[in-house]
C-alpha atoms as a PDB file:
ATOM      1  CA  MET A   1      50.561 -16.318  76.416  1.00  0.00           C
ATOM      2  CA  GLU A   2      49.991 -17.478  72.838  1.00  0.00           C
ATOM      3  CA  MET A   3      51.567 -14.268  71.554  1.00  0.00           C
ATOM      4  CA  ARG A   4      54.642 -14.744  73.741  1.00  0.00           C
ATOM      5  CA  GLN A   5      54.892 -18.397  72.738  1.00  0.00           C
ATOM      6  CA  ALA A   6      54.661 -17.538  69.032  1.00  0.00           C
ATOM      7  CA  TRP A   7      57.364 -14.878  69.346  1.00  0.00           C
ATOM      8  CA  MET A   8      59.705 -17.236  71.234  1.00  0.00           C
ATOM      9  CA  LYS A   9      59.138 -19.944  68.625  1.00  0.00           C
ATOM     10  CA  ASP A  10      60.129 -17.573  65.815  1.00  0.00           C
ATOM     11  CA  TYR A  11      63.143 -16.400  67.828  1.00  0.00           C
ATOM     12  CA  LEU A  12      64.379 -19.957  68.378  1.00  0.00           C
ATOM     13  CA  LEU A  13      63.762 -21.030  64.772  1.00  0.00           C
ATOM     14  CA  ASP A  14      65.692 -18.007  63.518  1.00  0.00           C
ATOM     15  CA  GLN A  15      68.661 -19.264  65.523  1.00  0.00           C
ATOM     16  CA  ASN A  16      68.256 -22.908  64.503  1.00  0.00           C
ATOM     17  CA  GLU A  17      65.677 -24.077  61.973  1.00  0.00           C
ATOM     18  CA  SER A  18      65.778 -27.629  63.316  1.00  0.00           C
ATOM     19  CA  THR A  19      64.969 -26.650  66.920  1.00  0.00           C
ATOM     20  CA  LYS A  20      62.316 -28.932  68.433  1.00  0.00           C
ATOM     21  CA  PHE A  21      60.957 -29.775  71.858  1.00  0.00           C
ATOM     22  CA  GLN A  22      62.723 -33.051  72.568  1.00  0.00           C
ATOM     23  CA  PHE A  23      60.351 -34.515  75.173  1.00  0.00           C
ATOM     24  CA  GLU A  24      56.959 -34.552  73.430  1.00  0.00           C
ATOM     25  CA  HIS A  25      55.265 -37.988  73.454  1.00  0.00           C
ATOM     26  CA  ILE A  26      58.059 -39.618  75.464  1.00  0.00           C
ATOM     27  CA  PHE A  27      55.396 -41.099  77.758  1.00  0.00           C
ATOM     28  CA  ASN A  28      51.851 -42.367  77.326  1.00  0.00           C
ATOM     29  CA  ASP A  29      49.105 -43.010  79.859  1.00  0.00           C
ATOM     30  CA  LYS A  30      49.345 -46.789  79.441  1.00  0.00           C
ATOM     31  CA  MET A  31      52.740 -46.825  81.126  1.00  0.00           C
ATOM     32  CA  ASP A  32      53.247 -47.623  84.819  1.00  0.00           C
ATOM     33  CA  PRO A  33      52.944 -44.353  86.814  1.00  0.00           C
ATOM     34  CA  ALA A  34      55.641 -45.349  89.315  1.00  0.00           C
ATOM     35  CA  ALA A  35      58.118 -46.176  86.538  1.00  0.00           C
ATOM     36  CA  VAL A  36      57.300 -42.951  84.673  1.00  0.00           C
ATOM     37  CA  SER A  37      57.765 -40.903  87.854  1.00  0.00           C
ATOM     38  CA  LYS A  38      61.293 -42.288  88.263  1.00  0.00           C
ATOM     39  CA  ASP A  39      62.092 -41.257  84.699  1.00  0.00           C
ATOM     40  CA  VAL A  40      60.681 -37.769  85.331  1.00  0.00           C
ATOM     41  CA  ILE A  41      62.777 -37.413  88.502  1.00  0.00           C
ATOM     42  CA  GLY A  42      65.797 -38.371  86.415  1.00  0.00           C
ATOM     43  CA  ILE A  43      64.964 -35.935  83.609  1.00  0.00           C
ATOM     44  CA  LEU A  44      64.590 -33.107  86.125  1.00  0.00           C
ATOM     45  CA  ASP A  45      67.564 -34.275  88.219  1.00  0.00           C
ATOM     46  CA  LEU A  46      65.430 -34.018  91.353  1.00  0.00           C
ATOM     47  CA  SER A  47      66.617 -37.014  93.352  1.00  0.00           C
ATOM     48  CA  ASP A  48      68.895 -35.038  95.681  1.00  0.00           C
ATOM     49  CA  THR A  49      66.323 -32.247  96.111  1.00  0.00           C
ATOM     50  CA  LEU A  50      63.222 -34.202  97.175  1.00  0.00           C
ATOM     51  CA  GLY A  51      62.623 -34.291 100.907  1.00  0.00           C
ATOM     52  CA  ILE A  52      65.302 -31.687 101.619  1.00  0.00           C
ATOM     53  CA  ALA A  53      64.328 -28.867 104.004  1.00  0.00           C
ATOM     54  CA  MET A  54      63.527 -25.689 102.072  1.00  0.00           C
ATOM     55  CA  SER A  55      60.616 -23.305 101.608  1.00  0.00           C
ATOM     56  CA  ASP A  56      57.794 -23.990  99.160  1.00  0.00           C
ATOM     57  CA  ASP A  57      58.889 -20.903  97.220  1.00  0.00           C
ATOM     58  CA  ASP A  58      62.453 -22.184  96.872  1.00  0.00           C
ATOM     59  CA  PHE A  59      61.269 -25.613  95.748  1.00  0.00           C
ATOM     60  CA  PHE A  60      58.858 -24.081  93.215  1.00  0.00           C
ATOM     61  CA  ASN A  61      61.659 -21.941  91.801  1.00  0.00           C
ATOM     62  CA  ILE A  62      63.994 -24.946  91.522  1.00  0.00           C
ATOM     63  CA  LEU A  63      61.286 -26.903  89.688  1.00  0.00           C
ATOM     64  CA  ARG A  64      60.517 -23.964  87.442  1.00  0.00           C
ATOM     65  CA  THR A  65      64.178 -23.494  86.496  1.00  0.00           C
ATOM     66  CA  LYS A  66      64.636 -27.188  85.709  1.00  0.00           C
ATOM     67  CA  ILE A  67      61.456 -27.349  83.602  1.00  0.00           C
ATOM     68  CA  SER A  68      62.382 -24.162  81.755  1.00  0.00           C
ATOM     69  CA  ALA A  69      65.791 -25.675  80.982  1.00  0.00           C
ATOM     70  CA  LEU A  70      64.002 -28.481  79.099  1.00  0.00           C
ATOM     71  CA  GLY A  71      62.714 -25.905  76.612  1.00  0.00           C
ATOM     72  CA  ILE A  72      59.325 -25.209  78.200  1.00  0.00           C
ATOM     73  CA  LEU A  73      58.332 -21.614  78.944  1.00  0.00           C
ATOM     74  CA  VAL A  74      57.004 -21.300  82.510  1.00  0.00           C
ATOM     75  CA  MET A  75      54.949 -18.162  83.163  1.00  0.00           C
ATOM     76  CA  GLN A  76      52.773 -17.155  86.088  1.00  0.00           C
ATOM     77  CA  ASN A  77      50.473 -14.316  87.062  1.00  0.00           C
ATOM     78  CA  GLY A  78      47.606 -13.687  89.429  1.00  0.00           C
ATOM     79  CA  VAL A  79      45.921 -10.877  87.504  1.00  0.00           C
ATOM     80  CA  VAL A  80      45.024 -10.073  83.898  1.00  0.00           C
ATOM     81  CA  GLY A  81      48.193  -8.430  82.571  1.00  0.00           C
ATOM     82  CA  THR A  82      49.108  -5.862  85.214  1.00  0.00           C
ATOM     83  CA  ASN A  83      45.534  -4.967  86.195  1.00  0.00           C
ATOM     84  CA  THR A  84      45.271  -5.712  89.912  1.00  0.00           C
ATOM     85  CA  ARG A  85      41.522  -5.102  89.742  1.00  0.00           C
ATOM     86  CA  ARG A  86      41.119  -8.158  87.506  1.00  0.00           C
ATOM     87  CA  PRO A  87      42.374 -11.116  89.559  1.00  0.00           C
ATOM     88  CA  LEU A  88      42.552 -14.582  87.998  1.00  0.00           C
ATOM     89  CA  ASP A  89      40.035 -16.779  89.822  1.00  0.00           C
ATOM     90  CA  VAL A  90      41.532 -20.048  91.085  1.00  0.00           C
ATOM     91  CA  ASP A  91      38.057 -21.591  90.884  1.00  0.00           C
ATOM     92  CA  GLU A  92      38.098 -20.954  87.117  1.00  0.00           C
ATOM     93  CA  PHE A  93      41.590 -22.295  86.441  1.00  0.00           C
ATOM     94  CA  ARG A  94      44.752 -23.147  88.322  1.00  0.00           C
ATOM     95  CA  ALA A  95      47.122 -23.679  85.414  1.00  0.00           C
ATOM     96  CA  LEU A  96      47.292 -24.391  81.693  1.00  0.00           C
ATOM     97  CA  VAL A  97      49.687 -25.789  79.131  1.00  0.00           C
ATOM     98  CA  LEU A  98      49.878 -24.693  75.487  1.00  0.00           C
ATOM     99  CA  MET A  99      51.606 -27.390  73.440  1.00  0.00           C
ATOM    100  CA  ASP A 100      53.937 -26.608  70.579  1.00  0.00           C
ATOM    101  CA  SER A 101      56.472 -28.727  68.713  1.00  0.00           C
ATOM    102  CA  VAL A 102      59.186 -26.139  69.368  1.00  0.00           C
ATOM    103  CA  VAL A 103      58.409 -24.415  72.659  1.00  0.00           C
ATOM    104  CA  PRO A 104      55.524 -25.528  74.922  1.00  0.00           C
ATOM    105  CA  LEU A 105      54.267 -23.057  77.527  1.00  0.00           C
ATOM    106  CA  ILE A 106      53.017 -23.676  81.065  1.00  0.00           C
ATOM    107  CA  PHE A 107      51.082 -20.914  82.828  1.00  0.00           C
ATOM    108  CA  ILE A 108      50.455 -21.018  86.586  1.00  0.00           C
ATOM    109  CA  ASN A 109      47.786 -18.980  88.371  1.00  0.00           C
ATOM    110  CA  SER A 110      49.919 -17.363  91.055  1.00  0.00           C
ATOM    111  CA  ARG A 111      46.877 -16.680  93.226  1.00  0.00           C
ATOM    112  CA  ASP A 112      46.816 -20.380  94.045  1.00  0.00           C
ATOM    113  CA  SER A 113      48.456 -21.723  97.213  1.00  0.00           C
ATOM    114  CA  LYS A 114      52.196 -22.383  97.082  1.00  0.00           C
ATOM    115  CA  LYS A 115      51.794 -26.143  97.425  1.00  0.00           C
ATOM    116  CA  ALA A 116      49.035 -26.253  94.799  1.00  0.00           C
ATOM    117  CA  LYS A 117      51.274 -24.332  92.376  1.00  0.00           C
ATOM    118  CA  ILE A 118      53.978 -26.969  92.805  1.00  0.00           C
ATOM    119  CA  PHE A 119      51.504 -29.766  92.127  1.00  0.00           C
ATOM    120  CA  SER A 120      50.106 -27.920  89.103  1.00  0.00           C
ATOM    121  CA  LEU A 121      53.591 -27.363  87.679  1.00  0.00           C
ATOM    122  CA  ILE A 122      54.410 -31.090  87.637  1.00  0.00           C
ATOM    123  CA  HIS A 123      50.872 -31.939  86.509  1.00  0.00           C
ATOM    124  CA  GLU A 124      51.131 -29.632  83.501  1.00  0.00           C
ATOM    125  CA  LEU A 125      54.656 -30.835  82.769  1.00  0.00           C
ATOM    126  CA  MET A 126      53.208 -34.334  82.347  1.00  0.00           C
ATOM    127  CA  HIS A 127      50.658 -32.992  79.860  1.00  0.00           C
ATOM    128  CA  ALA A 128      53.563 -31.444  77.937  1.00  0.00           C
ATOM    129  CA  PHE A 129      55.354 -34.801  77.924  1.00  0.00           C
ATOM    130  CA  LEU A 130      52.153 -36.431  76.639  1.00  0.00           C
ATOM    131  CA  GLY A 131      51.755 -33.674  74.031  1.00  0.00           C
ATOM    132  CA  ASN A 132      48.365 -32.441  75.285  1.00  0.00           C
ATOM    133  CA  ASN A 133      46.943 -28.945  75.680  1.00  0.00           C
ATOM    134  CA  GLU A 134      45.099 -28.637  78.987  1.00  0.00           C
ATOM    135  CA  VAL A 135      43.460 -26.197  81.361  1.00  0.00           C
ATOM    136  CA  LEU A 136      43.578 -27.387  84.967  1.00  0.00           C
ATOM    137  CA  ASN A 137      40.562 -26.045  86.840  1.00  0.00           C
ATOM    138  CA  VAL A 138      40.114 -28.463  89.729  1.00  0.00           C
ATOM    139  CA  SER A 139      41.802 -29.008  93.052  1.00  0.00           C
ATOM    140  CA  PRO A 140      44.825 -31.353  93.047  1.00  0.00           C
ATOM    141  CA  ASP A 141      43.087 -33.183  95.915  1.00  0.00           C
ATOM    142  CA  LEU A 142      40.233 -34.366  93.676  1.00  0.00           C
ATOM    143  CA  ASP A 143      40.430 -37.759  92.012  1.00  0.00           C
ATOM    144  CA  LEU A 144      39.117 -37.483  88.449  1.00  0.00           C
ATOM    145  CA  VAL A 145      39.203 -40.507  86.160  1.00  0.00           C
ATOM    146  CA  ASN A 146      40.574 -38.676  83.128  1.00  0.00           C
ATOM    147  CA  GLU A 147      43.327 -37.057  85.220  1.00  0.00           C
ATOM    148  CA  ARG A 148      44.045 -39.994  87.526  1.00  0.00           C
ATOM    149  CA  TRP A 149      47.101 -41.281  85.678  1.00  0.00           C
ATOM    150  CA  ILE A 150      48.751 -37.855  85.588  1.00  0.00           C
ATOM    151  CA  ASN A 151      47.918 -37.225  89.250  1.00  0.00           C
ATOM    152  CA  GLN A 152      49.444 -40.595  90.156  1.00  0.00           C
ATOM    153  CA  VAL A 153      52.646 -39.735  88.311  1.00  0.00           C
ATOM    154  CA  THR A 154      52.704 -36.257  89.862  1.00  0.00           C
ATOM    155  CA  ILE A 155      52.377 -37.448  93.447  1.00  0.00           C
ATOM    156  CA  ASN A 156      54.946 -40.200  92.804  1.00  0.00           C
ATOM    157  CA  VAL A 157      57.367 -37.543  91.548  1.00  0.00           C
ATOM    158  CA  LEU A 158      56.800 -35.277  94.539  1.00  0.00           C
ATOM    159  CA  MET A 159      56.585 -38.067  97.150  1.00  0.00           C
ATOM    160  CA  PRO A 160      58.688 -41.064  96.054  1.00  0.00           C
ATOM    161  CA  ALA A 161      57.802 -44.133  98.125  1.00  0.00           C
ATOM    162  CA  ASP A 162      61.344 -44.769  99.370  1.00  0.00           C
ATOM    163  CA  LYS A 163      61.880 -41.208 100.555  1.00  0.00           C
ATOM    164  CA  VAL A 164      58.440 -41.041 102.229  1.00  0.00           C
ATOM    165  CA  LYS A 165      59.112 -44.242 104.164  1.00  0.00           C
ATOM    166  CA  GLU A 166      62.551 -42.973 105.103  1.00  0.00           C
ATOM    167  CA  LEU A 167      61.227 -39.690 106.526  1.00  0.00           C
ATOM    168  CA  GLN A 168      58.197 -41.024 108.444  1.00  0.00           C
ATOM    169  CA  SER A 169      58.875 -42.064 112.053  1.00  0.00           C
ATOM    170  CA  ASP A 170      57.114 -44.443 114.432  1.00  0.00           C
ATOM    171  CA  LYS A 171      58.093 -42.088 117.267  1.00  0.00           C
ATOM    172  CA  TYR A 172      55.429 -39.584 116.221  1.00  0.00           C
ATOM    173  CA  SER A 173      51.671 -39.717 115.772  1.00  0.00           C
ATOM    174  CA  PRO A 174      50.230 -40.243 112.276  1.00  0.00           C
ATOM    175  CA  GLU A 175      48.993 -36.619 112.319  1.00  0.00           C
ATOM    176  CA  ASP A 176      52.439 -35.263 113.199  1.00  0.00           C
ATOM    177  CA  ASN A 177      54.026 -37.515 110.599  1.00  0.00           C
ATOM    178  CA  LEU A 178      51.626 -36.267 107.954  1.00  0.00           C
ATOM    179  CA  THR A 179      52.259 -32.617 108.819  1.00  0.00           C
ATOM    180  CA  HIS A 180      56.005 -33.262 108.624  1.00  0.00           C
ATOM    181  CA  LEU A 181      55.768 -35.078 105.276  1.00  0.00           C
ATOM    182  CA  SER A 182      53.526 -32.392 103.794  1.00  0.00           C
ATOM    183  CA  LYS A 183      56.125 -29.769 104.666  1.00  0.00           C
ATOM    184  CA  LYS A 184      59.121 -31.801 103.491  1.00  0.00           C
ATOM    185  CA  PHE A 185      57.596 -32.738 100.132  1.00  0.00           C
ATOM    186  CA  HIS A 186      55.742 -29.458  99.514  1.00  0.00           C
ATOM    187  CA  THR A 187      52.331 -31.072  99.060  1.00  0.00           C
ATOM    188  CA  SER A 188      48.968 -30.312 100.633  1.00  0.00           C
ATOM    189  CA  LEU A 189      47.968 -32.249 103.738  1.00  0.00           C
ATOM    190  CA  VAL A 190      45.242 -34.022 101.769  1.00  0.00           C
ATOM    191  CA  ALA A 191      47.578 -35.015  98.927  1.00  0.00           C
ATOM    192  CA  ALA A 192      50.099 -36.276 101.465  1.00  0.00           C
ATOM    193  CA  ALA A 193      47.375 -38.228 103.284  1.00  0.00           C
ATOM    194  CA  ILE A 194      46.189 -39.866 100.062  1.00  0.00           C
ATOM    195  CA  ARG A 195      49.786 -40.769  99.197  1.00  0.00           C
ATOM    196  CA  THR A 196      50.551 -42.304 102.600  1.00  0.00           C
ATOM    197  CA  GLN A 197      47.247 -44.173 102.449  1.00  0.00           C
ATOM    198  CA  SER A 198      48.236 -45.677  99.086  1.00  0.00           C
ATOM    199  CA  LEU A 199      51.519 -46.754 100.703  1.00  0.00           C
ATOM    200  CA  ARG A 200      49.547 -48.192 103.659  1.00  0.00           C
ATOM    201  CA  LEU A 201      51.584 -46.255 106.196  1.00  0.00           C
ATOM    202  CA  PHE A 202      48.704 -44.906 108.290  1.00  0.00           C
ATOM    203  CA  GLU A 203      45.020 -45.512 108.881  1.00  0.00           C
ATOM    204  CA  ASN A 204      42.461 -44.443 106.255  1.00  0.00           C
ATOM    205  CA  LYS A 205      40.797 -41.990 108.647  1.00  0.00           C
ATOM    206  CA  LEU A 206      43.852 -39.736 108.306  1.00  0.00           C
ATOM    207  CA  VAL A 207      42.491 -38.431 104.986  1.00  0.00           C
ATOM    208  CA  ASP A 208      39.376 -37.107 106.734  1.00  0.00           C
ATOM    209  CA  TRP A 209      41.552 -35.501 109.409  1.00  0.00           C
ATOM    210  CA  ALA A 210      43.704 -33.878 106.714  1.00  0.00           C
ATOM    211  CA  LYS A 211      40.650 -32.476 104.936  1.00  0.00           C
ATOM    212  CA  ARG A 212      39.345 -30.880 108.150  1.00  0.00           C
ATOM    213  CA  ARG A 213      42.761 -29.501 109.116  1.00  0.00           C
ATOM    214  CA  GLN A 214      43.462 -28.151 105.641  1.00  0.00           C
ATOM    215  CA  ALA A 215      40.053 -26.473 105.413  1.00  0.00           C
ATOM    216  CA  GLU A 216      40.691 -24.748 108.743  1.00  0.00           C
ATOM    217  CA  GLU A 217      44.149 -23.576 107.650  1.00  0.00           C
ATOM    218  CA  LEU A 218      42.735 -22.166 104.415  1.00  0.00           C
ATOM    219  CA  ARG A 219      39.997 -20.366 106.343  1.00  0.00           C
ATOM    220  CA  LEU A 220      42.532 -18.743 108.669  1.00  0.00           C
ATOM    221  CA  LYS A 221      44.776 -17.795 105.763  1.00  0.00           C
ATOM    222  CA  SER A 222      41.893 -16.186 103.863  1.00  0.00           C
ATOM    223  CA  GLU A 223      41.314 -13.879 106.822  1.00  0.00           C
ATOM    224  CA  GLN A 224      44.890 -12.598 106.709  1.00  0.00           C
ATOM    225  CA  LYS A 225      45.757  -9.698 104.438  1.00  0.00           C
ATOM    226  CA  ALA A 226      48.665 -10.500 102.164  1.00  0.00           C
ATOM    227  CA  PRO A 227      51.506  -7.920 102.303  1.00  0.00           C
ATOM    228  CA  GLY A 228      52.335  -5.949  99.178  1.00  0.00           C
ATOM    229  CA  GLY A 229      55.359  -7.186  97.209  1.00  0.00           C
ATOM    230  CA  ASP A 230      58.212  -5.467  95.389  1.00  0.00           C
ATOM    231  CA  PHE A 231      57.095  -4.342  91.920  1.00  0.00           C
ATOM    232  CA  TYR A 232      60.213  -5.530  90.111  1.00  0.00           C
ATOM    233  CA  ASN A 233      60.415  -8.896  91.870  1.00  0.00           C
ATOM    234  CA  THR A 234      56.740  -9.478  91.056  1.00  0.00           C
ATOM    235  CA  ALA A 235      57.217  -8.493  87.404  1.00  0.00           C
ATOM    236  CA  ILE A 236      60.241 -10.783  87.026  1.00  0.00           C
ATOM    237  CA  SER A 237      58.480 -13.691  88.748  1.00  0.00           C
ATOM    238  CA  ARG A 238      55.743 -13.601  86.117  1.00  0.00           C
ATOM    239  CA  ILE A 239      57.957 -14.360  83.137  1.00  0.00           C
ATOM    240  CA  ASP A 240      60.141 -17.259  82.094  1.00  0.00           C
ATOM    241  CA  ARG A 241      63.832 -16.421  82.498  1.00  0.00           C
ATOM    242  CA  TYR A 242      64.904 -17.836  79.119  1.00  0.00           C
ATOM    243  CA  TYR A 243      62.118 -15.908  77.430  1.00  0.00           C
ATOM    244  CA  ALA A 244      63.122 -12.720  79.251  1.00  0.00           C
ATOM    245  CA  ASN A 245      66.745 -13.106  78.159  1.00  0.00           C
ATOM    246  CA  ALA A 246      65.631 -13.665  74.555  1.00  0.00           C
ATOM    247  CA  VAL A 247      63.560 -10.461  74.596  1.00  0.00           C
ATOM    248  CA  ILE A 248      66.443  -8.508  76.151  1.00  0.00           C
ATOM    249  CA  ASN A 249      68.851  -9.857  73.516  1.00  0.00           C
ATOM    250  CA  ALA A 250      66.459  -8.936  70.705  1.00  0.00           C
ATOM    251  CA  GLU A 251      66.070  -5.396  72.036  1.00  0.00           C
ATOM    252  CA  SER A 252      69.774  -4.834  72.721  1.00  0.00           C
ATOM    253  CA  SER A 253      70.725  -6.054  69.225  1.00  0.00           C
ATOM    254  CA  GLY A 254      68.275  -3.620  67.623  1.00  0.00           C
ATOM    255  CA  ASP A 255      65.843  -6.262  66.404  1.00  0.00           C
ATOM    256  CA  MET A 256      63.071  -5.047  68.697  1.00  0.00           C
ATOM    257  CA  ALA A 257      62.003  -1.558  69.778  1.00  0.00           C
ATOM    258  CA  ILE A 258      62.273  -0.791  73.498  1.00  0.00           C
ATOM    259  CA  ALA A 259      58.533  -0.123  73.758  1.00  0.00           C
ATOM    260  CA  LYS A 260      57.808  -3.524  72.226  1.00  0.00           C
ATOM    261  CA  ALA A 261      60.308  -5.252  74.531  1.00  0.00           C
ATOM    262  CA  ALA A 262      58.729  -3.611  77.581  1.00  0.00           C
ATOM    263  CA  SER A 263      55.336  -4.839  76.465  1.00  0.00           C
ATOM    264  CA  MET A 264      56.685  -8.358  75.896  1.00  0.00           C
ATOM    265  CA  LEU A 265      58.048  -8.395  79.450  1.00  0.00           C
ATOM    266  CA  GLY A 266      54.795  -7.035  80.857  1.00  0.00           C
ATOM    267  CA  VAL A 267      56.296  -3.785  82.200  1.00  0.00           C
ATOM    268  CA  THR A 268      56.070  -0.131  81.261  1.00  0.00           C
ATOM    269  CA  LEU A 269      58.652   1.753  79.239  1.00  0.00           C
ATOM    270  CA  LYS A 270      59.499   3.710  82.399  1.00  0.00           C
ATOM    271  CA  THR A 271      60.331   0.562  84.380  1.00  0.00           C
ATOM    272  CA  TYR A 272      61.908  -1.438  81.533  1.00  0.00           C
ATOM    273  CA  HIS A 273      65.594  -0.634  82.108  1.00  0.00           C
ATOM    274  CA  LYS A 274      65.492  -1.307  85.848  1.00  0.00           C
ATOM    275  CA  THR A 275      63.625  -4.558  85.196  1.00  0.00           C
ATOM    276  CA  VAL A 276      66.297  -5.589  82.704  1.00  0.00           C
ATOM    277  CA  ASP A 277      69.071  -4.693  85.163  1.00  0.00           C
ATOM    278  CA  LYS A 278      67.478  -6.880  87.847  1.00  0.00           C
ATOM    279  CA  ILE A 279      67.028  -9.792  85.421  1.00  0.00           C
ATOM    280  CA  LEU A 280      70.670  -9.587  84.340  1.00  0.00           C
ATOM    281  CA  GLU A 281      71.804  -9.415  87.974  1.00  0.00           C
ATOM    282  CA  MET A 282      69.996 -12.699  88.623  1.00  0.00           C
ATOM    283  CA  ALA A 283      71.630 -14.469  85.660  1.00  0.00           C
END
């Protein structure tokens, strides 16, 4: 990731020597989390997207595209390089951010759950805004003092108070409400329970219920064998789209050898051209 970040930095500076990441240090952890979250929603233009019915994958991809458009590389992978025998352990780390004054980089462990990946993406975005390197290696459901401010901002971004209150209904049980809100806002049951508790919408015991229910769902999911995915879709999902386009431009203009470009995209020379075709089709 550091190698890719360094290459992208040089690429951008070659195009414009004054290029800088415009959002570093725009917030600090003394600011009100609710106020900061509103600013973040505005920066990402998320207001009309939050609480709208869509899959976790679609919401993650929307977030990723918007964050990448700010000048932050967003990469993900679930294995070391392309070695499927060396999976990245979620218990070791869930995500990381590498700060840089020109092009910060966020890396997401794609072996994590879909909802946890969404939480991690916003969490690491906040570290980028603060200007901090970080490796996230704990569950988003844990409340750690040194991460509390960022977690508060993150959950306020994903579950704004007004939209949560708008979507909860007295016609349904607290458990059904929580399940519905978790799905609508793409957060874990426990994160949603903690958020609704802070808003005093339901009884405190709902957090314990959410923990039991979530643990059972994770147990059942772990027993299911995940289907194999399409090689090219997987390869493309691992790399930031702006970065991929920069590599393709460098190769097509003769500034980079094809073998080097394939390596930079994390594919083989044999699969490079088809990968490029698919990336360009998605542009």
